[in-house]
Amino acid sequence: MIRRSVAALAIGLSLVSFPAFAKKAPKAPITTPAPVVSTVVDMDPTHDPDNVLALDLSNGGRVLIRLMPGWAPHHVERVKELAKEGFYNGVIFHRVIDGFMAQTGDPTGTGQGGSKLPDLKAEFNYMPHLRGTVSMARTNEPDTANSQFFIVFYPRFALDHRYTNFGRVISGMDIVDSIQRGEPPANPTKILQASLLSENKPQAKPEPAPVAQPVISADMLSKSKSS
C-alpha cells in the first residue's frame, strides 16, 4: 500500500509540474496504407495482350488466362518468362482431380519437377479461388513455388491465403473442363504451346491421328488373282 501511494503521488506531482505535457495527446503511429489491389479481371483479351497467357492443348482448344501482376508480380513474371522460353511446351497435366483442379507445369510429368530457376517467395493475397482461378502449386513449405500451377474447376476457398492466386481463365473454360482426369491420367492432356498473346503466335493444333492402313494378307492376294 505504501509503495502504491508513493507511486501515485509521484505521478500526481509530475502532472502538476508539467501540465502542458499531461494534456498533450500521444502521437498516432505512422502507418503506410496497404496498396489497393483491384479485384476486377479484364475479360477482353485484346487489352494488355502481354498479360494474357494462351495455352494450346492437345484436346484441340485454346485457353486464355488473364495474368494479374497486381496480385502476384513475381509469380506472373516467372510464368511469362518460362512461357517465352518454351518451357511449358509439351508438358502434360499430370494431376487432374474431378471437381477440384487440373495441375501442370512439371516437365517430368511426376509432380516432383520444376524449372532451373530458384523457387519463389509466396505472394499470398486476398483473391478467392473461384472457378477458373489460376494459382501456383508448391510443397508444404510456403516459399517453394517454381513452375507448376493449377486451374480450379469449382470454388475452393480453403486454398485462399495458402496458395498464390495469380490469374483467371477468361476464355476456354470448357476446354479446361475436358482435360483428362487422373493422377496421372492414362492419356494425359498436353500443353502443345504456351505463349503470350502479344507474341502473336498462331494456335498450335494437335497432329491428326494416323489413318490405319488395311492389312492385305497372302490369302487375300491369291483370291484376288484367282478371281
Protein backbone atom coordinates (compact mmCIF):
# COMPACT_ATOMS: atom_id res chain seq x y z
CA MET A 1 0.00 0.00 0.00
CA ILE A 2 2.84 2.42 0.82
CA ARG A 3 4.55 1.83 -2.45
CA ARG A 4 1.34 2.36 -4.43
CA SER A 5 0.70 5.69 -2.66
CA VAL A 6 4.18 6.90 -3.35
CA ALA A 7 3.86 5.97 -6.97
CA ALA A 8 0.54 7.74 -7.24
CA LEU A 9 1.92 10.81 -5.51
CA ALA A 10 4.91 10.90 -7.80
CA ILE A 11 2.65 10.70 -10.83
CA GLY A 12 0.44 13.44 -9.41
CA LEU A 13 3.39 15.75 -8.85
CA SER A 14 4.69 15.17 -12.32
CA LEU A 15 1.34 16.11 -13.82
CA VAL A 16 1.19 19.30 -11.73
CA SER A 17 4.74 20.24 -12.60
CA PHE A 18 4.24 19.68 -16.33
CA PRO A 19 0.59 20.44 -17.16
CA ALA A 20 1.28 21.01 -20.84
CA PHE A 21 2.91 17.61 -21.14
CA ALA A 22 0.00 15.98 -19.33
CA LYS A 23 -2.59 17.38 -21.72
CA LYS A 24 -0.71 16.63 -24.90
CA ALA A 25 -2.26 13.71 -26.79
CA PRO A 26 0.12 10.93 -27.79
CA LYS A 27 1.08 10.85 -31.43
CA ALA A 28 -0.58 8.18 -33.50
CA PRO A 29 1.89 5.74 -35.06
CA ILE A 30 2.62 6.42 -38.70
CA THR A 31 1.37 3.57 -40.83
CA THR A 32 1.70 3.08 -44.56
CA PRO A 33 -1.67 2.31 -46.13
CA ALA A 34 -1.89 -1.08 -47.78
CA PRO A 35 -1.80 -0.91 -51.56
CA VAL A 36 -5.18 -1.12 -53.21
CA VAL A 37 -5.37 -4.28 -55.30
CA SER A 38 -8.08 -4.40 -57.92
CA THR A 39 -10.33 -7.44 -57.90
CA VAL A 40 -11.55 -6.67 -61.41
CA VAL A 41 -10.42 -9.14 -64.08
CA ASP A 42 -10.43 -7.73 -67.62
CA MET A 43 -12.14 -10.37 -69.75
CA ASP A 44 -11.19 -8.75 -73.08
CA PRO A 45 -8.04 -10.48 -74.40
CA THR A 46 -7.28 -7.59 -76.75
CA HIS A 47 -6.50 -5.40 -73.73
CA ASP A 48 -2.92 -5.67 -72.48
CA PRO A 49 -2.09 -8.82 -74.50
CA ASP A 50 1.32 -9.05 -72.82
CA ASN A 51 -0.53 -10.24 -69.72
CA VAL A 52 -2.70 -12.84 -71.46
CA LEU A 53 -1.31 -16.37 -71.45
CA ALA A 54 -2.52 -18.68 -74.23
CA LEU A 55 -2.41 -22.43 -73.63
CA ASP A 56 -2.94 -24.54 -76.75
CA LEU A 57 -3.92 -28.00 -75.56
CA SER A 58 -3.79 -31.41 -77.17
CA ASN A 59 -7.58 -31.68 -76.87
CA GLY A 60 -7.77 -29.14 -79.68
CA GLY A 61 -8.67 -25.99 -77.75
CA ARG A 62 -7.03 -22.75 -76.68
CA VAL A 63 -7.31 -21.45 -73.11
CA LEU A 64 -6.72 -17.76 -72.40
CA ILE A 65 -5.58 -16.72 -68.93
CA ARG A 66 -5.52 -13.15 -67.70
CA LEU A 67 -2.32 -12.74 -65.69
CA MET A 68 -2.63 -10.29 -62.77
CA PRO A 69 0.68 -8.62 -61.86
CA GLY A 70 -1.12 -6.55 -59.23
CA TRP A 71 -1.93 -9.72 -57.32
CA ALA A 72 1.40 -11.53 -57.55
CA PRO A 73 4.02 -9.68 -59.63
CA HIS A 74 6.88 -12.16 -59.19
CA HIS A 75 4.76 -15.20 -59.97
CA VAL A 76 3.35 -13.57 -63.08
CA GLU A 77 6.83 -12.63 -64.24
CA ARG A 78 8.04 -16.21 -63.69
CA VAL A 79 5.22 -17.75 -65.75
CA LYS A 80 5.75 -15.24 -68.53
CA GLU A 81 9.49 -15.89 -68.58
CA LEU A 82 9.02 -19.65 -68.78
CA ALA A 83 6.33 -19.37 -71.45
CA LYS A 84 8.58 -17.21 -73.64
CA GLU A 85 11.35 -19.81 -73.30
CA GLY A 86 9.01 -22.59 -74.44
CA PHE A 87 9.37 -24.32 -71.08
CA TYR A 88 5.71 -25.39 -70.93
CA ASN A 89 5.54 -26.74 -74.48
CA GLY A 90 4.88 -30.48 -74.39
CA VAL A 91 4.20 -30.59 -70.64
CA ILE A 92 1.23 -32.69 -69.50
CA PHE A 93 -1.49 -32.07 -66.93
CA HIS A 94 -0.18 -34.66 -64.50
CA ARG A 95 -2.68 -34.26 -61.64
CA VAL A 96 -6.32 -33.68 -62.53
CA ILE A 97 -8.96 -34.20 -59.85
CA ASP A 98 -12.61 -34.04 -60.90
CA GLY A 99 -14.46 -31.26 -59.09
CA PHE A 100 -11.20 -29.74 -57.86
CA MET A 101 -8.40 -28.70 -60.22
CA ALA A 102 -6.02 -29.52 -63.09
CA GLN A 103 -2.28 -29.19 -62.38
CA THR A 104 0.56 -28.83 -64.87
CA GLY A 105 3.98 -27.20 -65.27
CA ASP A 106 6.25 -30.13 -64.40
CA PRO A 107 8.46 -31.22 -67.34
CA THR A 108 8.98 -34.62 -65.69
CA GLY A 109 5.24 -35.28 -65.50
CA THR A 110 5.61 -36.64 -61.97
CA GLY A 111 4.70 -33.62 -59.87
CA GLN A 112 8.22 -33.55 -58.42
CA GLY A 113 9.95 -31.39 -61.03
CA GLY A 114 10.29 -27.74 -61.94
CA SER A 115 12.47 -25.25 -63.75
CA LYS A 116 16.14 -24.49 -63.08
CA LEU A 117 15.17 -21.08 -61.71
CA PRO A 118 15.11 -20.51 -57.93
CA ASP A 119 11.90 -21.03 -56.00
CA LEU A 120 9.68 -18.02 -55.43
CA LYS A 121 8.69 -16.38 -52.17
CA ALA A 122 4.97 -16.67 -51.52
CA GLU A 123 2.72 -13.82 -52.62
CA PHE A 124 -0.47 -14.89 -50.88
CA ASN A 125 -3.28 -12.43 -51.48
CA TYR A 126 -6.96 -11.88 -50.81
CA MET A 127 -8.23 -13.05 -54.19
CA PRO A 128 -10.59 -16.02 -53.75
CA HIS A 129 -10.07 -19.33 -55.54
CA LEU A 130 -13.09 -19.29 -57.84
CA ARG A 131 -13.90 -21.38 -60.89
CA GLY A 132 -11.21 -20.56 -63.43
CA THR A 133 -8.68 -19.32 -60.88
CA VAL A 134 -5.05 -20.00 -61.83
CA SER A 135 -2.82 -20.50 -58.81
CA MET A 136 0.73 -21.62 -58.14
CA ALA A 137 1.46 -25.10 -56.81
CA ARG A 138 4.02 -25.63 -54.05
CA THR A 139 5.18 -28.11 -51.42
CA ASN A 140 4.15 -27.92 -47.76
CA GLU A 141 6.56 -25.00 -47.38
CA PRO A 142 5.18 -21.61 -48.49
CA ASP A 143 8.21 -20.35 -50.43
CA THR A 144 8.58 -23.30 -52.81
CA ALA A 145 6.53 -22.33 -55.90
CA ASN A 146 8.60 -22.66 -59.07
CA SER A 147 6.91 -23.56 -62.36
CA GLN A 148 3.87 -25.71 -61.57
CA PHE A 149 0.40 -24.18 -61.50
CA PHE A 150 -3.20 -25.35 -61.38
CA ILE A 151 -6.59 -24.27 -62.73
CA VAL A 152 -9.58 -24.58 -60.39
CA PHE A 153 -12.73 -26.31 -61.68
CA TYR A 154 -15.02 -25.17 -58.85
CA PRO A 155 -14.62 -22.66 -55.99
CA ARG A 156 -12.21 -23.84 -53.28
CA PHE A 157 -11.98 -21.11 -50.66
CA ALA A 158 -9.89 -23.35 -48.38
CA LEU A 159 -6.99 -22.55 -50.73
CA ASP A 160 -7.26 -18.79 -50.10
CA HIS A 161 -4.21 -17.19 -48.42
CA ARG A 162 -2.37 -20.52 -48.71
CA TYR A 163 -1.59 -20.61 -52.44
CA THR A 164 -0.61 -17.71 -54.67
CA ASN A 165 -3.53 -16.76 -56.91
CA PHE A 166 -2.07 -15.03 -59.97
CA GLY A 167 -4.64 -15.17 -62.76
CA ARG A 168 -8.03 -16.19 -64.12
CA VAL A 169 -9.25 -18.05 -67.19
CA ILE A 170 -11.04 -15.54 -69.43
CA SER A 171 -11.73 -17.85 -72.39
CA GLY A 172 -11.81 -21.59 -72.96
CA MET A 173 -13.02 -22.84 -69.59
CA ASP A 174 -14.93 -25.52 -71.47
CA ILE A 175 -11.57 -26.68 -72.81
CA VAL A 176 -10.25 -26.86 -69.25
CA ASP A 177 -13.28 -28.93 -68.27
CA SER A 178 -12.36 -31.51 -70.92
CA ILE A 179 -8.81 -32.09 -69.59
CA GLN A 180 -8.33 -35.79 -68.88
CA ARG A 181 -8.70 -36.75 -65.22
CA GLY A 182 -6.22 -38.84 -63.25
CA GLU A 183 -3.12 -38.75 -61.04
CA PRO A 184 -1.63 -39.09 -63.60
CA PRO A 185 -4.23 -39.64 -66.32
CA ALA A 186 -3.88 -42.71 -68.51
CA ASN A 187 -3.94 -40.49 -71.60
CA PRO A 188 -2.94 -37.06 -70.26
CA THR A 189 -3.85 -33.78 -71.90
CA LYS A 190 -0.76 -31.90 -73.01
CA ILE A 191 0.17 -28.24 -73.45
CA LEU A 192 1.22 -28.09 -77.09
CA GLN A 193 2.22 -24.45 -76.81
CA ALA A 194 2.19 -21.76 -74.14
CA SER A 195 2.63 -18.18 -75.34
CA LEU A 196 1.66 -14.61 -74.63
CA LEU A 197 -0.93 -13.06 -76.95
CA SER A 198 1.50 -10.21 -77.54
CA GLU A 199 3.76 -12.72 -79.34
CA ASN A 200 1.02 -13.28 -81.96
CA LYS A 201 1.75 -16.98 -82.30
CA PRO A 202 -0.84 -18.99 -84.24
CA GLN A 203 -2.72 -21.62 -82.29
CA ALA A 204 -0.89 -24.94 -82.17
CA LYS A 205 -3.06 -27.79 -83.35
CA PRO A 206 -2.74 -31.46 -82.41
CA GLU A 207 -1.40 -33.69 -85.15
CA PRO A 208 -4.12 -35.74 -86.83
CA ALA A 209 -4.22 -39.37 -85.85
CA PRO A 210 -2.59 -41.61 -88.46
CA VAL A 211 -5.01 -43.40 -90.75
CA ALA A 212 -4.82 -47.15 -90.26
CA GLN A 213 -3.82 -48.88 -93.45
CA PRO A 214 -5.70 -52.08 -94.37
CA VAL A 215 -3.70 -55.25 -93.88
CA ILE A 216 -3.60 -57.36 -97.02
CA SER A 217 -2.83 -60.99 -96.36
CA ALA A 218 -1.39 -63.53 -98.80
CA ASP A 219 -4.76 -65.31 -98.92
CA MET A 220 -6.47 -62.09 -99.97
CA LEU A 221 -3.89 -61.58 -102.74
CA SER A 222 -4.31 -65.13 -104.02
CA LYS A 223 -8.09 -64.78 -104.04
CA SER A 224 -7.89 -61.50 -105.95
CA LYS A 225 -5.61 -63.09 -108.55
CA SER A 226 -7.82 -66.13 -108.97
CA SER A 227 -10.88 -64.01 -109.47
